[in-house]
N, C-alpha and C. Protein backbone atom coordinates (compact mmCIF):
# COMPACT_ATOMS: atom_id res chain seq x y z
N MET A 1 36.69 -49.87 30.09
CA MET A 1 36.54 -49.50 31.57
C MET A 1 37.55 -48.96 32.14
N MET A 2 38.81 -49.12 31.65
CA MET A 2 39.85 -48.60 32.41
C MET A 2 39.92 -47.35 31.89
N ASN A 3 39.82 -46.81 30.63
CA ASN A 3 39.82 -45.58 30.15
C ASN A 3 38.88 -44.54 30.95
N ARG A 4 37.63 -45.09 31.13
CA ARG A 4 36.61 -44.28 31.93
C ARG A 4 37.22 -43.92 33.26
N LYS A 5 37.94 -44.94 34.02
CA LYS A 5 38.18 -44.99 35.46
C LYS A 5 39.56 -43.90 35.43
N SER A 6 40.24 -43.95 34.26
CA SER A 6 41.48 -43.05 34.34
C SER A 6 41.07 -41.66 34.06
N ALA A 7 39.82 -41.51 33.23
CA ALA A 7 39.05 -40.06 33.07
C ALA A 7 38.79 -39.46 34.24
N LEU A 8 38.04 -40.53 34.84
CA LEU A 8 37.50 -40.00 36.24
C LEU A 8 38.47 -39.55 37.19
N VAL A 9 39.59 -40.18 37.33
CA VAL A 9 40.75 -40.00 38.40
C VAL A 9 41.26 -38.40 37.85
N ALA A 10 41.51 -38.35 36.49
CA ALA A 10 42.04 -37.08 35.97
C ALA A 10 40.97 -36.01 36.08
N LEU A 11 39.74 -36.27 36.01
CA LEU A 11 38.66 -35.20 36.35
C LEU A 11 38.67 -35.13 37.85
N PHE A 12 38.53 -35.58 38.77
CA PHE A 12 38.74 -35.68 39.96
C PHE A 12 40.04 -34.75 40.72
N THR A 13 41.30 -35.14 40.06
CA THR A 13 42.24 -34.50 40.25
C THR A 13 42.33 -32.90 39.84
N MET A 14 41.82 -32.54 38.75
CA MET A 14 41.90 -31.26 38.36
C MET A 14 40.87 -30.50 39.08
N VAL A 15 39.49 -31.15 39.58
CA VAL A 15 38.73 -30.44 40.27
C VAL A 15 39.64 -30.12 41.58
N LEU A 16 40.02 -30.97 42.21
CA LEU A 16 40.84 -30.82 43.60
C LEU A 16 41.94 -29.67 43.35
N ALA A 17 42.72 -29.56 42.23
CA ALA A 17 43.63 -28.55 41.92
C ALA A 17 42.73 -27.19 42.06
N ALA A 18 41.74 -27.15 41.24
CA ALA A 18 41.26 -25.84 41.04
C ALA A 18 40.59 -25.35 42.21
N CYS A 19 40.11 -26.09 43.06
CA CYS A 19 39.77 -25.90 44.52
C CYS A 19 40.93 -25.38 45.31
N ALA A 20 41.92 -25.91 45.54
CA ALA A 20 43.52 -25.51 46.08
C ALA A 20 43.79 -24.44 45.56
N SER A 21 43.60 -24.05 44.34
CA SER A 21 44.21 -22.94 43.87
C SER A 21 43.73 -21.58 44.27
N ARG A 22 42.39 -21.50 44.63
CA ARG A 22 41.56 -20.43 45.26
C ARG A 22 42.17 -19.73 46.23
N PRO A 23 42.38 -18.61 46.37
CA PRO A 23 42.93 -18.01 47.48
C PRO A 23 41.87 -18.02 48.44
N SER A 24 42.32 -18.22 49.88
CA SER A 24 41.26 -18.14 50.80
C SER A 24 41.12 -16.58 51.42
N GLY A 25 40.05 -16.21 52.09
CA GLY A 25 39.84 -15.10 52.45
C GLY A 25 38.92 -14.30 51.67
N PRO A 26 38.69 -13.01 51.79
CA PRO A 26 37.65 -12.26 51.22
C PRO A 26 38.14 -11.76 49.99
N PRO A 27 37.34 -11.42 48.84
CA PRO A 27 37.94 -10.81 47.51
C PRO A 27 38.67 -9.82 47.72
N PRO A 28 39.65 -9.56 46.71
CA PRO A 28 40.13 -8.28 46.73
C PRO A 28 39.34 -7.00 46.85
N LEU A 29 39.81 -6.03 47.47
CA LEU A 29 39.12 -4.78 48.01
C LEU A 29 38.69 -3.93 46.64
N ASN A 30 37.72 -3.55 46.49
CA ASN A 30 37.34 -2.70 45.40
C ASN A 30 37.27 -1.29 45.97
N PRO A 31 38.28 -0.31 45.72
CA PRO A 31 38.38 0.91 46.33
C PRO A 31 37.29 1.94 45.76
N VAL A 32 36.50 1.64 44.80
CA VAL A 32 35.62 2.62 44.14
C VAL A 32 34.37 2.80 45.30
N GLY A 33 33.89 4.13 45.60
CA GLY A 33 32.93 4.38 46.35
C GLY A 33 33.15 5.54 47.39
N ALA A 34 32.40 5.59 48.17
CA ALA A 34 32.30 6.79 49.16
C ALA A 34 32.59 6.03 50.72
N PHE A 35 33.57 6.59 51.40
CA PHE A 35 33.80 5.99 52.66
C PHE A 35 33.88 7.01 53.84
N ASP A 36 32.83 7.11 54.79
CA ASP A 36 32.88 7.99 55.70
C ASP A 36 33.74 7.75 56.96
N PHE A 37 34.40 8.60 57.53
CA PHE A 37 35.28 8.34 58.59
C PHE A 37 35.25 9.36 59.58
N THR A 38 35.90 9.03 60.73
CA THR A 38 35.92 9.83 61.99
C THR A 38 37.42 9.87 62.25
N THR A 39 37.97 10.92 62.95
CA THR A 39 39.36 10.98 63.46
C THR A 39 39.35 12.01 64.43
N THR A 40 40.53 12.29 65.06
CA THR A 40 40.69 13.51 65.89
C THR A 40 41.99 14.24 65.41
N VAL A 41 41.74 15.44 65.36
CA VAL A 41 42.94 16.40 64.79
C VAL A 41 42.98 17.35 65.92
N GLU A 42 44.30 17.40 66.74
CA GLU A 42 44.48 18.25 67.62
C GLU A 42 43.40 18.53 68.90
N GLY A 43 42.97 17.40 69.03
CA GLY A 43 41.72 16.99 70.11
C GLY A 43 40.47 17.23 69.78
N ALA A 44 40.34 17.72 68.41
CA ALA A 44 38.92 18.01 67.78
C ALA A 44 38.47 16.86 66.98
N ALA A 45 37.17 16.38 67.26
CA ALA A 45 36.51 15.34 66.29
C ALA A 45 36.31 15.95 64.99
N VAL A 46 36.83 15.12 64.01
CA VAL A 46 36.67 15.40 62.62
C VAL A 46 35.96 14.28 61.71
N THR A 47 35.06 14.72 61.09
CA THR A 47 34.29 13.89 60.26
C THR A 47 34.53 13.91 58.76
N GLY A 48 34.49 13.11 57.98
CA GLY A 48 34.78 13.33 56.49
C GLY A 48 34.49 12.20 55.70
N THR A 49 34.46 12.17 54.46
CA THR A 49 34.25 11.18 53.38
C THR A 49 35.38 11.31 52.33
N ILE A 50 35.66 10.02 52.18
CA ILE A 50 36.72 9.68 51.11
C ILE A 50 36.09 9.13 49.79
N THR A 51 36.11 10.05 48.68
CA THR A 51 35.32 9.42 47.44
C THR A 51 36.34 9.26 46.32
N ILE A 52 36.11 7.65 45.81
CA ILE A 52 37.08 7.26 45.05
C ILE A 52 36.16 6.87 43.73
N VAL A 53 36.74 7.32 42.41
CA VAL A 53 36.30 6.99 41.21
C VAL A 53 37.29 6.20 40.36
N ARG A 54 37.10 5.53 39.55
CA ARG A 54 37.96 4.64 38.64
C ARG A 54 37.94 5.54 37.36
N ASN A 55 39.06 5.63 36.74
CA ASN A 55 39.33 6.37 35.34
C ASN A 55 40.19 5.39 34.62
N GLY A 56 39.74 4.52 34.00
CA GLY A 56 40.52 3.71 33.12
C GLY A 56 41.20 2.70 34.09
N ASP A 57 42.48 2.64 34.12
CA ASP A 57 43.45 1.76 34.99
C ASP A 57 43.66 2.49 36.38
N ALA A 58 43.51 3.63 36.48
CA ALA A 58 43.75 4.69 37.51
C ALA A 58 42.65 4.92 38.43
N TYR A 59 42.81 5.40 39.62
CA TYR A 59 41.73 5.94 40.69
C TYR A 59 42.04 7.41 40.85
N SER A 60 41.09 8.03 41.03
CA SER A 60 41.21 9.45 41.35
C SER A 60 39.86 9.71 42.38
N GLY A 61 39.69 10.99 42.97
CA GLY A 61 38.67 11.36 43.97
C GLY A 61 39.03 12.59 44.62
N SER A 62 38.23 12.48 45.78
CA SER A 62 38.46 13.72 46.85
C SER A 62 38.29 13.25 48.17
N VAL A 63 38.72 14.07 49.21
CA VAL A 63 38.78 13.74 50.64
C VAL A 63 38.19 15.20 51.05
N GLY A 64 37.09 14.96 51.90
CA GLY A 64 36.47 16.39 52.40
C GLY A 64 36.19 16.06 53.66
N THR A 65 36.23 17.17 54.49
CA THR A 65 35.97 17.02 56.10
C THR A 65 35.17 18.19 56.37
N ASN A 66 34.66 18.09 57.61
CA ASN A 66 33.54 19.28 58.31
C ASN A 66 34.76 20.49 58.79
N VAL A 67 36.14 20.11 58.62
CA VAL A 67 36.88 21.29 59.03
C VAL A 67 38.07 22.03 57.83
N THR A 68 37.85 21.25 56.69
CA THR A 68 38.80 21.58 55.84
C THR A 68 38.28 21.88 54.38
N GLU A 69 39.01 22.46 53.54
CA GLU A 69 38.45 22.32 52.05
C GLU A 69 38.66 21.01 51.68
N THR A 70 37.89 20.76 50.51
CA THR A 70 38.04 19.42 49.73
C THR A 70 39.38 19.23 49.01
N ILE A 71 40.01 18.07 49.26
CA ILE A 71 41.27 17.90 48.68
C ILE A 71 41.27 16.91 47.50
N GLY A 72 42.25 17.08 46.51
CA GLY A 72 42.34 16.00 45.51
C GLY A 72 43.09 14.82 45.68
N ILE A 73 42.59 13.52 45.30
CA ILE A 73 43.36 12.33 45.70
C ILE A 73 44.41 12.20 44.62
N ARG A 74 45.68 12.02 45.02
CA ARG A 74 46.91 11.83 43.96
C ARG A 74 46.87 10.28 43.89
N SER A 75 46.58 9.34 44.84
CA SER A 75 46.78 8.03 44.34
C SER A 75 46.24 7.24 45.53
N VAL A 76 45.84 6.02 44.94
CA VAL A 76 45.16 4.99 45.65
C VAL A 76 45.76 3.79 45.23
N VAL A 77 46.21 2.94 46.31
CA VAL A 77 46.83 1.54 46.26
C VAL A 77 46.06 0.59 47.16
N VAL A 78 45.83 -0.52 46.64
CA VAL A 78 45.04 -1.56 47.38
C VAL A 78 46.04 -2.87 47.41
N GLU A 79 46.20 -3.31 48.78
CA GLU A 79 46.77 -4.54 48.87
C GLU A 79 46.07 -5.48 49.79
N GLY A 80 45.56 -6.51 49.11
CA GLY A 80 44.56 -7.33 49.79
C GLY A 80 43.45 -6.38 50.46
N GLN A 81 43.35 -6.29 51.88
CA GLN A 81 42.16 -5.59 52.33
C GLN A 81 42.60 -4.18 52.74
N THR A 82 43.84 -3.86 52.54
CA THR A 82 44.37 -2.39 53.18
C THR A 82 44.45 -1.61 51.79
N MET A 83 43.85 -0.33 52.13
CA MET A 83 44.16 0.47 50.99
C MET A 83 44.75 1.91 51.40
N THR A 84 45.63 2.51 50.78
CA THR A 84 46.31 3.69 51.21
C THR A 84 45.77 4.85 50.13
N VAL A 85 45.58 5.83 50.62
CA VAL A 85 44.96 6.93 49.91
C VAL A 85 45.92 8.08 50.06
N VAL A 86 46.58 8.66 48.86
CA VAL A 86 47.33 10.13 49.07
C VAL A 86 46.76 11.24 48.59
N GLY A 87 46.40 12.20 49.36
CA GLY A 87 45.80 13.39 48.83
C GLY A 87 46.60 14.53 49.26
N ASP A 88 46.64 15.62 47.99
CA ASP A 88 47.28 16.78 48.47
C ASP A 88 46.65 18.03 49.00
N THR A 89 47.23 18.43 50.19
CA THR A 89 46.55 19.30 50.79
C THR A 89 47.70 20.73 50.68
N PRO A 90 47.22 21.97 51.19
CA PRO A 90 48.07 23.13 51.05
C PRO A 90 49.45 22.94 51.88
N ASP A 91 49.26 21.99 52.85
CA ASP A 91 50.59 21.80 53.89
C ASP A 91 51.21 20.48 53.59
N GLY A 92 50.93 19.96 52.18
CA GLY A 92 51.85 18.95 51.80
C GLY A 92 50.83 17.44 51.80
N PRO A 93 51.25 16.36 51.57
CA PRO A 93 50.61 15.26 51.02
C PRO A 93 49.86 14.68 52.40
N VAL A 94 48.85 14.24 52.52
CA VAL A 94 48.19 13.50 53.57
C VAL A 94 48.15 12.07 53.22
N THR A 95 48.56 11.07 53.83
CA THR A 95 48.44 9.80 53.55
C THR A 95 47.54 9.06 54.59
N MET A 96 46.68 8.24 54.01
CA MET A 96 45.57 7.48 54.87
C MET A 96 45.74 6.01 54.40
N THR A 97 45.95 5.35 55.39
CA THR A 97 46.07 4.10 55.32
C THR A 97 44.94 3.20 56.37
N VAL A 98 44.13 2.56 55.54
CA VAL A 98 43.32 1.70 56.46
C VAL A 98 43.06 0.31 55.96
N THR A 99 42.65 -0.43 56.99
CA THR A 99 42.38 -1.88 56.66
C THR A 99 40.88 -2.16 56.87
N PHE A 100 40.41 -3.01 55.78
CA PHE A 100 38.83 -3.19 55.90
C PHE A 100 38.57 -4.53 56.58
N THR A 101 37.41 -4.73 57.33
CA THR A 101 36.98 -6.14 57.62
C THR A 101 35.32 -5.77 57.20
N GLY A 102 35.20 -6.50 56.03
CA GLY A 102 33.83 -6.21 55.45
C GLY A 102 33.62 -4.75 55.07
N ASP A 103 32.69 -3.92 55.24
CA ASP A 103 32.49 -2.56 54.88
C ASP A 103 33.29 -1.65 55.96
N ALA A 104 33.67 -2.15 57.04
CA ALA A 104 34.12 -1.30 58.11
C ALA A 104 35.66 -1.17 57.91
N PHE A 105 36.30 -0.21 58.43
CA PHE A 105 37.66 -0.09 58.09
C PHE A 105 38.28 0.88 59.42
N SER A 106 39.42 0.54 59.45
CA SER A 106 40.15 1.30 60.67
C SER A 106 41.67 1.56 60.20
N GLY A 107 42.36 2.59 60.73
CA GLY A 107 43.73 2.74 60.32
C GLY A 107 44.19 4.23 60.75
N ALA A 108 45.11 4.73 59.86
CA ALA A 108 45.72 6.04 60.55
C ALA A 108 46.04 6.87 59.35
N TRP A 109 46.16 8.24 59.50
CA TRP A 109 46.60 9.24 58.69
C TRP A 109 47.79 9.90 59.19
N THR A 110 48.68 10.56 58.11
CA THR A 110 49.62 11.30 58.56
C THR A 110 49.83 12.54 57.60
N LEU A 111 50.22 13.56 58.13
CA LEU A 111 50.35 14.87 57.43
C LEU A 111 51.64 15.60 58.02
N GLY A 112 52.72 15.38 57.35
CA GLY A 112 54.05 15.88 58.16
C GLY A 112 54.15 15.24 59.52
N ALA A 113 54.38 15.88 60.45
CA ALA A 113 54.44 15.49 61.68
C ALA A 113 53.24 15.09 62.52
N MET A 114 52.00 15.44 61.82
CA MET A 114 50.67 15.02 62.67
C MET A 114 50.35 13.96 62.16
N GLY A 115 49.30 13.34 62.91
CA GLY A 115 48.66 12.21 62.51
C GLY A 115 47.74 11.64 63.43
N GLY A 116 47.03 10.66 62.92
CA GLY A 116 46.11 10.10 64.01
C GLY A 116 45.18 9.03 63.64
N GLU A 117 44.67 8.34 64.50
CA GLU A 117 43.78 7.20 64.08
C GLU A 117 42.34 7.55 63.31
N MET A 118 42.05 6.72 62.61
CA MET A 118 40.72 6.88 61.94
C MET A 118 40.02 5.48 61.78
N SER A 119 38.59 5.75 61.61
CA SER A 119 37.87 4.53 61.52
C SER A 119 36.68 5.19 60.57
N GLY A 120 36.07 4.09 60.07
CA GLY A 120 34.51 4.26 59.24
C GLY A 120 34.23 3.18 58.68
N LYS A 121 33.49 3.40 57.64
CA LYS A 121 32.68 2.47 56.95
C LYS A 121 32.35 3.11 55.41
N ARG A 122 32.20 1.82 54.56
CA ARG A 122 31.84 2.25 53.11
C ARG A 122 30.30 2.60 53.11
N ARG A 123 30.03 3.63 52.40
CA ARG A 123 28.81 3.88 52.34
C ARG A 123 28.02 3.16 51.50
N ALA A 124 26.74 2.74 51.74
CA ALA A 124 25.96 1.99 50.97
C ALA A 124 25.82 2.61 49.54
N SER A 125 25.69 1.68 48.54
CA SER A 125 25.53 2.23 47.14
C SER A 125 24.25 2.40 46.88
């Protein structure tokens, strides 16, 4: 009887430890997909799409807008619910850092001395 009680206590302890070790909050962000966004550039509304694909352990893709040529993505970094995308433009690198709440995101972009706020949503697959 004592062995059975000890086994139950050990099992209960392991279950509690497993539950306590799970991180709280949403699961890590998956950057693969298409993300529609809006922003303002020099007073004009701009819409676009960030498209990210996975190639082995790396990510690549493109950024297209209604006012520019499509540019290639150099890097994608995810930290929790924040994604930073760097793309190469003829004028230098553009960096877009956005934080997600569900499928919606908001953040900012910079290109040299220019920059602005951006917001958008993951496109349904």
